[in-house]
Every structure is written in C-alpha cells, then in structure tokens.
Amino acid sequence: MPDDFNVARDATLTDTVERLRAERFPHLDRQLVLEILRLHADGAAIDNLPRAIDELLSRRLGEVS
C-alpha cells in the first residue's frame, strides 16, 4: 500500500506542478520543468543539484540552437 500511496502522491504533485506551470508560466518548457522536478525527486545531492540543472539547461540550449 505505501507504494500505491507514493505513486498517487507523485502523480498528484506532477499534475499540480504542470497545472501551475501552464497557468502561470506557459512560456516555460513543460519537459524541462518535469526533468528538473525529476532531478529533485531522484534525491540528487544538494551539492550536485545546481550542477545537474545547469547541465540540463546547457543540453537544452544546445538542442535549440
């Protein structure tokens, strides 16, 4: 049962983040926001999180150019 609860909670969190992004920040890329959320959820070390986000942004900017 705890696994079901965590899956439901994660889905609800993702849905909430997506709704807020769409309503307040439609200019932000949906996939990018979800990837940053995943980095947080995966338990990336606090010291590594900013670097992981910077690398993600760099990759995304490289794809767009």
Protein backbone atom coordinates (compact mmCIF):
# COMPACT_ATOMS: atom_id res chain seq x y z
CA MET A 1 0.00 0.00 0.00
CA PRO A 2 2.74 2.56 0.70
CA ASP A 3 3.99 2.19 -2.88
CA ASP A 4 0.50 2.93 -4.20
CA PHE A 5 0.34 5.99 -1.97
CA ASN A 6 3.71 7.27 -3.20
CA VAL A 7 2.76 6.75 -6.84
CA ALA A 8 -0.52 8.61 -6.32
CA ARG A 9 1.24 11.38 -4.41
CA ASP A 10 3.87 11.74 -7.14
CA ALA A 11 1.23 11.81 -9.86
CA THR A 12 -0.68 14.45 -7.94
CA LEU A 13 2.47 16.51 -7.43
CA THR A 14 3.35 16.25 -11.11
CA ASP A 15 -0.21 17.21 -12.08
CA THR A 16 -0.11 20.18 -9.71
CA VAL A 17 3.25 21.39 -10.98
CA GLU A 18 2.08 21.03 -14.57
CA ARG A 19 -1.13 22.94 -13.87
CA LEU A 20 0.78 25.77 -12.19
CA ARG A 21 3.32 25.87 -15.00
CA ALA A 22 0.60 26.02 -17.64
CA GLU A 23 -1.41 28.69 -15.80
CA ARG A 24 1.35 30.96 -14.54
CA PHE A 25 4.40 30.20 -16.66
CA PRO A 26 3.23 28.97 -20.06
CA HIS A 27 6.49 30.19 -21.60
CA LEU A 28 8.47 27.56 -19.64
CA ASP A 29 9.08 24.29 -21.43
CA ARG A 30 6.95 21.51 -19.92
CA GLN A 31 9.57 18.79 -20.38
CA LEU A 32 12.28 20.95 -18.84
CA VAL A 33 10.18 21.64 -15.75
CA LEU A 34 9.36 17.94 -15.36
CA GLU A 35 13.03 17.00 -15.77
CA ILE A 36 14.05 19.47 -13.03
CA LEU A 37 11.33 18.04 -10.81
CA ARG A 38 12.67 14.54 -11.52
CA LEU A 39 16.18 15.62 -10.54
CA HIS A 40 14.81 16.79 -7.19
CA ALA A 41 12.74 13.64 -6.72
CA ASP A 42 15.66 11.33 -7.53
CA GLY A 43 17.38 12.60 -4.42
CA ALA A 44 20.26 14.32 -6.17
CA ALA A 45 22.67 15.54 -3.53
CA ILE A 46 22.11 19.19 -2.69
CA ASP A 47 25.68 19.97 -3.80
CA ASN A 48 25.12 18.28 -7.18
CA LEU A 49 21.63 19.61 -7.89
CA PRO A 50 22.62 23.05 -9.20
CA ARG A 51 25.25 21.46 -11.42
CA ALA A 52 22.77 18.87 -12.71
CA ILE A 53 20.29 21.63 -13.53
CA ASP A 54 23.00 23.70 -15.26
CA GLU A 55 23.97 20.68 -17.36
CA LEU A 56 20.35 20.05 -18.25
CA LEU A 57 19.90 23.68 -19.31
CA SER A 58 23.11 23.59 -21.35
CA ARG A 59 21.96 20.45 -23.18
CA ARG A 60 18.55 22.01 -23.86
CA LEU A 61 20.08 25.23 -25.14
CA GLY A 62 22.35 23.19 -27.39
CA GLU A 63 19.32 21.38 -28.83
CA VAL A 64 17.54 24.66 -29.56
CA SER A 65 20.49 26.37 -31.26
